[in-house]
N, C-alpha and C. Protein backbone atom coordinates (compact mmCIF):
# COMPACT_ATOMS: atom_id res chain seq x y z
N MET A 1 48.24 -82.84 23.29
CA MET A 1 47.35 -81.41 23.23
C MET A 1 46.44 -82.04 24.43
N GLY A 2 45.88 -80.70 24.41
CA GLY A 2 44.63 -80.70 25.80
C GLY A 2 43.61 -80.81 25.27
N GLU A 3 42.35 -80.80 26.15
CA GLU A 3 41.18 -80.91 25.43
C GLU A 3 40.28 -79.97 26.08
N LEU A 4 39.31 -79.25 25.68
CA LEU A 4 38.64 -78.09 26.37
C LEU A 4 37.66 -78.90 27.14
N THR A 5 37.17 -79.53 27.75
CA THR A 5 36.13 -80.43 28.43
C THR A 5 34.62 -79.77 28.63
N LEU A 6 33.77 -80.06 28.80
CA LEU A 6 32.57 -79.96 29.10
C LEU A 6 32.82 -79.24 30.28
N ASP A 7 32.60 -79.77 31.56
CA ASP A 7 33.50 -79.11 32.74
C ASP A 7 33.74 -78.20 32.74
N ARG A 8 34.65 -77.55 32.15
CA ARG A 8 35.35 -76.09 31.75
C ARG A 8 34.81 -75.39 31.17
N ALA A 9 33.94 -75.84 29.72
CA ALA A 9 33.12 -75.19 28.81
C ALA A 9 31.92 -74.73 29.66
N ASP A 10 31.65 -75.43 30.46
CA ASP A 10 30.52 -74.75 31.74
C ASP A 10 30.52 -74.19 32.53
N ILE A 11 31.95 -74.28 32.67
CA ILE A 11 32.68 -72.80 33.92
C ILE A 11 32.21 -71.82 32.91
N ILE A 12 33.17 -71.68 31.75
CA ILE A 12 33.36 -70.44 30.81
C ILE A 12 31.76 -69.76 30.63
N GLY A 13 31.04 -70.61 30.16
CA GLY A 13 29.29 -70.08 29.96
C GLY A 13 29.04 -69.62 31.15
N ARG A 14 29.21 -70.55 32.08
CA ARG A 14 28.12 -69.89 33.47
C ARG A 14 29.28 -68.42 33.90
N VAL A 15 30.48 -68.08 34.23
CA VAL A 15 30.88 -67.23 34.69
C VAL A 15 31.16 -65.83 33.54
N ALA A 16 31.07 -66.10 32.17
CA ALA A 16 30.80 -65.12 31.61
C ALA A 16 29.41 -64.73 31.65
N LEU A 17 28.73 -65.16 31.94
CA LEU A 17 27.31 -64.47 32.28
C LEU A 17 27.11 -63.81 33.34
N GLU A 18 27.46 -64.31 34.38
CA GLU A 18 27.57 -63.83 36.00
C GLU A 18 28.47 -62.50 35.03
N ASP A 19 29.61 -62.56 34.51
CA ASP A 19 30.29 -61.33 34.59
C ASP A 19 29.44 -60.21 33.90
N ALA A 20 28.33 -60.67 32.68
CA ALA A 20 27.97 -59.82 31.82
C ALA A 20 26.96 -59.23 33.16
N ARG A 21 26.19 -59.71 33.80
CA ARG A 21 25.22 -59.11 34.56
C ARG A 21 25.52 -58.18 35.67
N THR A 22 27.14 -58.19 36.11
CA THR A 22 28.07 -57.27 36.80
C THR A 22 28.26 -56.02 36.17
N ARG A 23 28.01 -56.44 34.52
CA ARG A 23 28.87 -54.89 33.96
C ARG A 23 26.97 -54.33 33.40
N SER A 24 26.03 -55.18 33.66
CA SER A 24 24.69 -54.51 33.21
C SER A 24 24.65 -54.09 31.71
N ALA A 25 25.25 -56.05 31.03
CA ALA A 25 24.96 -56.16 29.96
C ALA A 25 23.29 -56.30 29.46
N GLN A 26 23.32 -56.22 28.13
CA GLN A 26 22.08 -56.60 27.27
C GLN A 26 22.40 -58.19 27.91
N PRO A 27 21.14 -58.89 27.15
CA PRO A 27 20.84 -60.54 27.27
C PRO A 27 22.14 -60.76 26.00
N LEU A 28 22.99 -62.11 26.95
CA LEU A 28 24.10 -62.43 25.80
C LEU A 28 23.57 -64.02 25.53
N THR A 29 24.21 -63.95 23.89
CA THR A 29 24.71 -65.98 24.18
C THR A 29 26.07 -65.89 23.64
N VAL A 30 26.57 -67.31 24.58
CA VAL A 30 27.96 -67.27 24.80
C VAL A 30 27.62 -69.26 23.91
N VAL A 31 28.95 -69.03 23.16
CA VAL A 31 28.94 -70.39 22.17
C VAL A 31 30.66 -71.08 22.58
N VAL A 32 30.86 -72.03 23.17
CA VAL A 32 31.89 -72.56 23.18
C VAL A 32 32.11 -74.03 22.58
N LEU A 33 33.44 -73.50 21.35
CA LEU A 33 33.55 -74.99 20.35
C LEU A 33 35.03 -75.54 20.81
N ASP A 34 35.10 -76.37 20.89
CA ASP A 34 36.38 -77.35 21.02
C ASP A 34 37.52 -76.90 20.06
N ALA A 35 38.69 -77.37 19.49
CA ALA A 35 39.56 -77.26 19.28
C ALA A 35 39.22 -77.93 17.53
N GLY A 36 38.40 -78.73 17.46
CA GLY A 36 38.12 -79.20 16.48
C GLY A 36 36.54 -78.31 15.65
N GLY A 37 35.98 -77.63 16.21
CA GLY A 37 35.36 -76.59 15.74
C GLY A 37 33.82 -77.02 16.27
N HIS A 38 33.90 -78.09 17.01
CA HIS A 38 32.32 -78.59 17.67
C HIS A 38 32.18 -77.64 18.93
N VAL A 39 30.30 -77.54 18.60
CA VAL A 39 30.06 -76.68 19.86
C VAL A 39 29.98 -77.93 21.18
N LYS A 40 30.97 -77.11 22.28
CA LYS A 40 30.53 -77.89 23.48
C LYS A 40 29.53 -77.46 24.17
N LEU A 41 29.53 -76.15 24.15
CA LEU A 41 28.45 -75.51 25.31
C LEU A 41 27.71 -74.18 24.36
N VAL A 42 26.43 -74.24 24.74
CA VAL A 42 25.71 -72.61 23.79
C VAL A 42 25.11 -72.49 25.45
N ARG A 43 24.81 -71.01 25.78
CA ARG A 43 24.01 -70.40 26.67
C ARG A 43 23.63 -69.10 26.09
N ARG A 44 22.16 -69.41 26.43
CA ARG A 44 21.57 -68.15 26.14
C ARG A 44 20.71 -67.83 26.67
N GLU A 45 21.13 -66.29 27.12
CA GLU A 45 20.02 -65.60 28.45
C GLU A 45 18.48 -65.39 27.61
N ASP A 46 17.67 -65.06 28.35
CA ASP A 46 16.25 -64.80 27.98
C ASP A 46 16.16 -63.46 27.52
N GLY A 47 15.86 -63.33 26.50
CA GLY A 47 15.85 -61.73 26.06
C GLY A 47 17.01 -61.65 24.96
N SER A 48 17.95 -62.99 25.09
CA SER A 48 19.21 -62.51 23.65
C SER A 48 18.49 -62.75 22.29
N GLY A 49 18.82 -62.00 21.04
CA GLY A 49 17.66 -61.48 20.19
C GLY A 49 18.34 -63.32 19.22
N ILE A 50 17.67 -63.32 18.66
CA ILE A 50 17.50 -64.55 17.98
C ILE A 50 18.62 -64.73 16.99
N ALA A 51 19.88 -64.01 16.58
CA ALA A 51 20.38 -64.00 15.31
C ALA A 51 22.00 -63.69 16.70
N ARG A 52 21.63 -64.00 17.55
CA ARG A 52 22.44 -63.83 18.38
C ARG A 52 23.50 -65.26 18.30
N PHE A 53 22.81 -66.08 18.42
CA PHE A 53 23.94 -67.83 17.95
C PHE A 53 24.59 -67.97 16.67
N GLU A 54 24.57 -67.26 15.94
CA GLU A 54 25.10 -67.03 14.92
C GLU A 54 26.05 -66.06 14.78
N ILE A 55 25.89 -65.01 15.62
CA ILE A 55 26.81 -64.22 15.34
C ILE A 55 27.94 -64.74 16.49
N ALA A 56 27.66 -64.61 18.03
CA ALA A 56 28.72 -65.81 18.40
C ALA A 56 29.27 -66.85 18.07
N TYR A 57 28.75 -68.04 17.51
CA TYR A 57 28.91 -69.28 16.72
C TYR A 57 30.29 -68.37 15.47
N GLY A 58 29.79 -67.40 14.82
CA GLY A 58 30.36 -66.95 13.49
C GLY A 58 31.94 -66.57 14.51
N LYS A 59 32.12 -65.54 15.92
CA LYS A 59 32.65 -64.94 16.09
C LYS A 59 34.11 -66.44 16.59
N ALA A 60 33.28 -66.82 17.38
CA ALA A 60 34.07 -68.08 17.71
C ALA A 60 34.67 -69.12 16.43
N TRP A 61 34.16 -69.43 15.83
CA TRP A 61 34.36 -70.02 14.31
C TRP A 61 35.32 -69.40 13.69
N GLY A 62 35.32 -68.31 13.29
CA GLY A 62 36.24 -67.58 12.73
C GLY A 62 37.79 -67.34 13.31
N ALA A 63 37.23 -67.04 14.58
CA ALA A 63 38.73 -66.70 15.30
C ALA A 63 39.41 -68.89 15.04
N LEU A 64 39.05 -69.92 15.37
CA LEU A 64 39.40 -70.67 15.20
C LEU A 64 39.92 -71.10 14.32
N GLY A 65 39.46 -71.15 13.19
CA GLY A 65 39.64 -71.30 11.68
C GLY A 65 40.63 -70.51 10.86
N MET A 66 40.90 -69.56 11.60
CA MET A 66 41.96 -68.37 11.32
C MET A 66 43.42 -68.32 12.18
N GLY A 67 42.57 -68.93 13.54
CA GLY A 67 44.06 -69.10 14.02
C GLY A 67 44.31 -67.96 15.05
N ILE A 68 43.22 -66.51 14.80
CA ILE A 68 43.11 -65.37 15.61
C ILE A 68 42.11 -64.83 16.33
N SER A 69 42.37 -64.13 17.32
CA SER A 69 41.20 -63.95 17.57
C SER A 69 40.10 -62.91 16.89
N SER A 70 38.88 -62.85 16.77
CA SER A 70 38.13 -62.28 16.13
C SER A 70 38.25 -60.48 15.94
N ARG A 71 38.82 -60.00 17.37
CA ARG A 71 39.56 -58.83 16.90
C ARG A 71 40.70 -58.50 16.58
N GLY A 72 41.63 -59.73 16.47
CA GLY A 72 42.88 -59.53 15.48
C GLY A 72 41.77 -58.96 14.01
N LEU A 73 41.27 -60.47 13.80
CA LEU A 73 40.68 -60.36 12.66
C LEU A 73 40.17 -59.32 12.02
N ALA A 74 39.21 -58.49 12.71
CA ALA A 74 38.62 -56.83 12.88
C ALA A 74 39.95 -56.12 12.57
N ALA A 75 40.61 -55.77 12.81
CA ALA A 75 41.90 -55.31 12.76
C ALA A 75 42.69 -55.34 11.13
N ARG A 76 42.49 -56.71 10.39
CA ARG A 76 42.78 -57.36 9.51
C ARG A 76 42.05 -57.24 8.23
N ALA A 77 40.54 -57.31 8.67
CA ALA A 77 39.56 -56.86 7.59
C ALA A 77 39.46 -55.42 7.42
N ALA A 78 40.12 -54.59 8.12
CA ALA A 78 40.05 -53.34 7.96
C ALA A 78 41.07 -52.82 6.78
N LYS A 79 42.19 -53.51 7.08
CA LYS A 79 43.12 -53.45 6.29
C LYS A 79 43.27 -54.01 4.75
N MET A 80 42.38 -55.30 4.81
CA MET A 80 42.69 -55.90 3.33
C MET A 80 40.91 -56.78 2.95
N GLY A 81 40.24 -55.66 2.69
CA GLY A 81 39.01 -56.23 2.63
C GLY A 81 38.91 -57.27 1.07
N GLY A 82 39.55 -56.79 0.82
CA GLY A 82 39.31 -57.96 -0.66
C GLY A 82 39.75 -59.86 -0.34
N PHE A 83 40.42 -59.90 0.63
CA PHE A 83 40.51 -61.46 1.46
C PHE A 83 39.45 -61.65 2.43
N PHE A 84 38.72 -59.77 2.81
CA PHE A 84 37.84 -60.70 3.71
C PHE A 84 36.73 -61.26 2.80
N THR A 85 35.93 -60.23 1.68
CA THR A 85 35.37 -60.82 0.94
C THR A 85 35.62 -62.05 0.30
N ALA A 86 36.62 -62.82 0.08
CA ALA A 86 36.99 -63.85 -0.34
C ALA A 86 36.69 -64.85 0.85
N LEU A 87 36.93 -64.65 2.09
CA LEU A 87 36.94 -65.60 2.92
C LEU A 87 35.61 -65.66 3.58
N ALA A 88 34.80 -64.35 3.21
CA ALA A 88 33.47 -65.29 3.59
C ALA A 88 32.81 -66.01 2.67
N ALA A 89 33.20 -65.98 1.64
CA ALA A 89 32.29 -66.68 0.03
C ALA A 89 32.53 -68.23 0.32
N ALA A 90 34.16 -68.51 0.70
CA ALA A 90 34.75 -69.43 0.74
C ALA A 90 33.95 -70.41 2.21
N THR A 91 33.55 -69.40 3.34
CA THR A 91 33.16 -70.20 4.76
C THR A 91 31.67 -70.15 4.55
N ASP A 92 31.18 -69.41 3.35
CA ASP A 92 29.56 -69.49 4.03
C ASP A 92 29.30 -68.42 4.70
N GLY A 93 30.28 -67.26 4.94
CA GLY A 93 29.54 -66.07 5.64
C GLY A 93 30.02 -66.36 7.18
N ARG A 94 30.38 -67.34 7.57
CA ARG A 94 30.39 -67.59 8.71
C ARG A 94 31.10 -67.02 9.53
N VAL A 95 32.22 -66.58 9.25
CA VAL A 95 33.24 -65.71 9.73
C VAL A 95 32.68 -64.21 9.93
N VAL A 96 32.39 -63.69 11.55
CA VAL A 96 31.80 -62.90 12.07
C VAL A 96 33.61 -61.89 12.50
N PRO A 97 34.25 -61.30 11.57
CA PRO A 97 35.23 -60.50 11.97
C PRO A 97 35.03 -59.01 12.91
N VAL A 98 34.46 -59.06 14.20
CA VAL A 98 34.46 -58.21 15.01
C VAL A 98 34.82 -59.16 16.65
N PRO A 99 35.29 -58.03 17.47
CA PRO A 99 36.06 -58.20 18.85
C PRO A 99 34.93 -59.44 19.69
N GLY A 100 35.07 -60.59 20.23
CA GLY A 100 33.96 -60.97 21.31
C GLY A 100 34.39 -62.82 21.14
N GLY A 101 35.05 -62.98 20.12
CA GLY A 101 35.71 -64.05 19.39
C GLY A 101 37.33 -64.49 20.41
N VAL A 102 37.35 -65.05 21.16
CA VAL A 102 38.75 -65.44 21.51
C VAL A 102 39.11 -66.76 22.15
N LEU A 103 40.26 -66.80 21.32
CA LEU A 103 40.87 -68.46 21.38
C LEU A 103 40.80 -68.64 22.53
N VAL A 104 41.15 -69.93 22.98
CA VAL A 104 41.58 -70.87 24.43
C VAL A 104 42.83 -71.53 24.57
N ARG A 105 43.11 -71.34 25.04
CA ARG A 105 44.38 -71.87 25.35
C ARG A 105 45.17 -72.54 27.12
N GLU A 106 45.69 -73.47 27.03
CA GLU A 106 45.84 -74.48 28.24
C GLU A 106 46.96 -73.23 29.12
N ARG A 107 47.96 -72.88 28.48
CA ARG A 107 49.08 -71.96 29.30
C ARG A 107 49.17 -71.08 27.64
N PRO A 108 50.11 -70.21 28.51
CA PRO A 108 50.64 -68.71 27.10
C PRO A 108 51.17 -69.24 26.48
N GLY A 109 50.96 -69.48 24.77
CA GLY A 109 51.78 -70.39 24.02
C GLY A 109 51.34 -71.32 23.66
N GLY A 110 50.99 -72.40 24.24
CA GLY A 110 50.42 -73.41 24.05
C GLY A 110 49.21 -73.87 23.22
N PRO A 111 48.91 -74.81 22.80
CA PRO A 111 47.96 -74.62 21.41
C PRO A 111 47.09 -74.45 21.63
N ILE A 112 46.32 -74.54 20.69
CA ILE A 112 44.71 -73.47 20.90
C ILE A 112 43.88 -75.10 21.53
N ILE A 113 42.69 -74.82 21.95
CA ILE A 113 42.02 -75.88 22.50
C ILE A 113 40.32 -75.47 22.24
N GLY A 114 40.19 -74.43 21.66
CA GLY A 114 38.84 -74.19 21.54
C GLY A 114 38.85 -72.70 21.32
N ALA A 115 37.66 -72.06 21.09
CA ALA A 115 37.51 -70.97 21.44
C ALA A 115 35.90 -70.49 21.90
N VAL A 116 35.69 -69.19 22.32
CA VAL A 116 34.92 -68.57 22.69
C VAL A 116 33.78 -67.31 21.63
N GLY A 117 32.89 -67.61 21.29
CA GLY A 117 32.21 -66.09 20.45
C GLY A 117 30.92 -65.85 21.47
N ILE A 118 30.59 -64.96 21.85
CA ILE A 118 29.79 -63.72 22.60
C ILE A 118 29.22 -63.06 22.11
N SER A 119 27.84 -62.50 22.05
CA SER A 119 27.06 -61.71 20.94
C SER A 119 25.97 -61.61 22.08
N GLY A 120 25.88 -60.07 21.89
CA GLY A 120 24.53 -59.45 22.54
C GLY A 120 24.45 -57.98 23.04
N ASP A 121 25.75 -57.77 23.27
CA ASP A 121 26.02 -56.29 24.09
C ASP A 121 27.49 -55.66 22.98
N THR A 122 28.01 -54.45 23.49
CA THR A 122 28.79 -54.22 22.43
C THR A 122 30.14 -55.71 22.10
N SER A 123 30.70 -55.49 21.35
CA SER A 123 31.47 -55.82 20.72
C SER A 123 32.85 -56.50 21.96
N ASP A 124 33.28 -55.17 22.52
CA ASP A 124 34.11 -55.12 23.57
C ASP A 124 33.42 -55.77 24.92
N ILE A 125 32.56 -55.50 25.41
CA ILE A 125 31.75 -56.21 26.39
C ILE A 125 31.49 -57.78 26.16
N ASP A 126 31.15 -57.99 25.15
CA ASP A 126 31.26 -59.44 24.83
C ASP A 126 32.38 -59.78 24.59
N GLU A 127 33.54 -59.25 24.26
CA GLU A 127 35.40 -60.11 24.40
C GLU A 127 35.42 -59.88 25.82
N LEU A 128 35.23 -59.15 26.66
CA LEU A 128 35.43 -59.43 28.07
C LEU A 128 34.88 -60.04 28.87
N CYS A 129 33.43 -60.33 28.95
CA CYS A 129 32.58 -61.17 29.31
C CYS A 129 33.70 -63.02 28.98
N ALA A 130 33.55 -63.15 27.53
CA ALA A 130 34.47 -64.04 27.64
C ALA A 130 35.69 -64.52 27.86
N ILE A 131 36.56 -63.69 28.38
CA ILE A 131 38.05 -63.66 29.28
C ILE A 131 37.24 -64.13 30.36
N ALA A 132 36.77 -63.00 30.86
CA ALA A 132 36.42 -63.65 32.29
C ALA A 132 35.85 -65.12 32.39
N GLY A 133 35.29 -65.75 31.50
CA GLY A 133 34.89 -67.33 32.02
C GLY A 133 35.63 -68.09 31.89
N ILE A 134 36.71 -68.04 30.74
CA ILE A 134 37.92 -68.73 29.94
C ILE A 134 38.95 -68.40 31.46
N GLU A 135 39.20 -67.33 31.65
CA GLU A 135 40.00 -66.96 33.28
C GLU A 135 39.40 -68.29 34.49
N ALA A 136 38.31 -67.92 34.44
CA ALA A 136 37.42 -68.66 35.70
C ALA A 136 38.26 -69.85 35.65
N ALA A 137 37.59 -70.67 34.13
CA ALA A 137 38.14 -72.12 33.88
C ALA A 137 39.26 -72.63 34.13
N GLY A 138 40.20 -71.16 34.15
CA GLY A 138 42.12 -71.78 34.71
C GLY A 138 42.46 -72.19 33.32
N LEU A 139 42.00 -71.20 32.10
CA LEU A 139 42.49 -71.56 30.90
C LEU A 139 43.22 -69.87 30.37
N VAL A 140 43.93 -69.61 29.66
CA VAL A 140 44.21 -68.69 28.91
C VAL A 140 43.52 -68.09 28.25
N PRO A 141 43.28 -66.80 27.82
CA PRO A 141 42.47 -66.15 26.52
C PRO A 141 43.47 -65.44 25.81
N ASP A 142 43.34 -65.58 24.58
CA ASP A 142 44.08 -64.97 23.92
C ASP A 142 43.33 -63.94 22.36
N ILE A 143 43.52 -62.68 22.82
CA ILE A 143 43.09 -61.68 22.20
C ILE A 143 44.24 -60.97 21.02
N GLU A 144 45.17 -61.60 21.35
CA GLU A 144 46.19 -60.73 20.68
C GLU A 144 45.96 -60.72 18.89
N GLU A 145 46.11 -59.64 18.83
CA GLU A 145 45.74 -59.12 17.52
C GLU A 145 46.92 -59.77 16.24
N ARG A 146 48.13 -60.09 16.34
CA ARG A 146 49.22 -60.45 15.60
C ARG A 146 48.78 -59.94 14.23
């Protein structure tokens, strides 16, 4: 299984924020986790709100923990409210089921090597910035809803 290196995590974080500036996004916080859920990198733009780390972390952590993007988790949460209430209790509320949490793979269909969570703008913009960073690092973003 491949590893999400610090160098690649740094590219993800840097390019995600560069992409955000081209979109005139609100200030963002980017969290990159490795496959074990450990924080590899955090980048917080000046002016990013104090809760943004927890939200970005929750998007990435939830995606990684459930093996599905946070966009997919949002779709499931809309259909399975009871399960997501239980999931929130079981994880001490760490899962944030809204777009902006993207799984990272080395190749399409390959093993998950990490996840990126971004918070600060709309969830769709957060997700687009994560995708840009992941692709710039030569990796494959997974936002499939499954």
